[in-house]
C-alpha atoms as a PDB file:
ATOM      1  CA  UNK A   1      33.013 -20.621 -80.695  1.00  0.00           C
ATOM      2  CA  UNK A   2      32.445 -17.166 -78.329  1.00  0.00           C
ATOM      3  CA  UNK A   3      28.603 -17.397 -79.956  1.00  0.00           C
ATOM      4  CA  UNK A   4      28.614 -21.293 -78.527  1.00  0.00           C
ATOM      5  CA  UNK A   5      29.093 -19.858 -75.567  1.00  0.00           C
ATOM      6  CA  UNK A   6      26.815 -17.015 -75.184  1.00  0.00           C
ATOM      7  CA  UNK A   7      29.999 -14.864 -75.033  1.00  0.00           C
ATOM      8  CA  UNK A   8      28.845 -12.988 -78.170  1.00  0.00           C
ATOM      9  CA  UNK A   9      26.265 -11.185 -79.515  1.00  0.00           C
ATOM     10  CA  UNK A  10      25.504 -12.519 -82.616  1.00  0.00           C
ATOM     11  CA  UNK A  11      23.949  -9.016 -83.989  1.00  0.00           C
ATOM     12  CA  UNK A  12      25.958  -6.819 -82.797  1.00  0.00           C
ATOM     13  CA  UNK A  13      29.751  -5.488 -84.078  1.00  0.00           C
ATOM     14  CA  UNK A  14      31.203  -5.893 -81.322  1.00  0.00           C
ATOM     15  CA  UNK A  15      31.293  -8.105 -78.249  1.00  0.00           C
ATOM     16  CA  UNK A  16      30.913  -6.925 -74.565  1.00  0.00           C
ATOM     17  CA  UNK A  17      33.636  -7.817 -71.860  1.00  0.00           C
ATOM     18  CA  UNK A  18      32.722 -11.008 -70.845  1.00  0.00           C
ATOM     19  CA  UNK A  19      34.716 -14.459 -70.164  1.00  0.00           C
ATOM     20  CA  UNK A  20      34.237 -17.916 -69.632  1.00  0.00           C
ATOM     21  CA  UNK A  21      36.544 -19.718 -66.839  1.00  0.00           C
ATOM     22  CA  UNK A  22      36.701 -23.563 -68.647  1.00  0.00           C
ATOM     23  CA  UNK A  23      37.951 -26.189 -66.106  1.00  0.00           C
ATOM     24  CA  UNK A  24      40.079 -29.356 -67.661  1.00  0.00           C
ATOM     25  CA  UNK A  25      37.286 -31.417 -68.243  1.00  0.00           C
ATOM     26  CA  UNK A  26      36.174 -28.717 -70.815  1.00  0.00           C
ATOM     27  CA  UNK A  27      32.453 -27.978 -68.744  1.00  0.00           C
ATOM     28  CA  UNK A  28      32.197 -24.469 -67.987  1.00  0.00           C
ATOM     29  CA  UNK A  29      33.270 -23.823 -64.545  1.00  0.00           C
ATOM     30  CA  UNK A  30      31.881 -19.996 -64.287  1.00  0.00           C
ATOM     31  CA  UNK A  31      30.933 -17.072 -66.337  1.00  0.00           C
ATOM     32  CA  UNK A  32      31.853 -13.240 -65.966  1.00  0.00           C
ATOM     33  CA  UNK A  33      29.159 -10.949 -67.398  1.00  0.00           C
ATOM     34  CA  UNK A  34      30.728  -7.627 -66.337  1.00  0.00           C
ATOM     35  CA  UNK A  35      34.985  -7.873 -66.380  1.00  0.00           C
ATOM     36  CA  UNK A  36      37.024  -4.925 -65.426  1.00  0.00           C
ATOM     37  CA  UNK A  37      40.528  -5.109 -66.961  1.00  0.00           C
ATOM     38  CA  UNK A  38      42.053  -4.010 -63.655  1.00  0.00           C
ATOM     39  CA  UNK A  39      40.599  -6.600 -61.807  1.00  0.00           C
ATOM     40  CA  UNK A  40      39.294  -9.420 -64.144  1.00  0.00           C
ATOM     41  CA  UNK A  41      42.882 -11.403 -63.292  1.00  0.00           C
ATOM     42  CA  UNK A  42      42.407 -11.868 -59.842  1.00  0.00           C
ATOM     43  CA  UNK A  43      39.250 -12.310 -59.764  1.00  0.00           C
ATOM     44  CA  UNK A  44      40.089 -15.849 -62.068  1.00  0.00           C
ATOM     45  CA  UNK A  45      43.091 -16.531 -60.166  1.00  0.00           C
ATOM     46  CA  UNK A  46      40.698 -16.523 -56.840  1.00  0.00           C
ATOM     47  CA  UNK A  47      38.635 -18.827 -58.788  1.00  0.00           C
ATOM     48  CA  UNK A  48      41.358 -21.177 -60.631  1.00  0.00           C
ATOM     49  CA  UNK A  49      42.408 -21.166 -56.352  1.00  0.00           C
ATOM     50  CA  UNK A  50      38.641 -22.683 -54.844  1.00  0.00           C
ATOM     51  CA  UNK A  51      38.660 -25.626 -57.583  1.00  0.00           C
END
């Protein structure tokens, strides 16, 4: 499934840190290509507040 959203790299043994915010309708709201674990939760919360 992560390949479906462009998160996983099929030829790589390890996936990069990326995430996808999916809305209640099942559509991609935003993607995060460079995830820093210490800051990421705050970014997602801000995006949810702005939906």
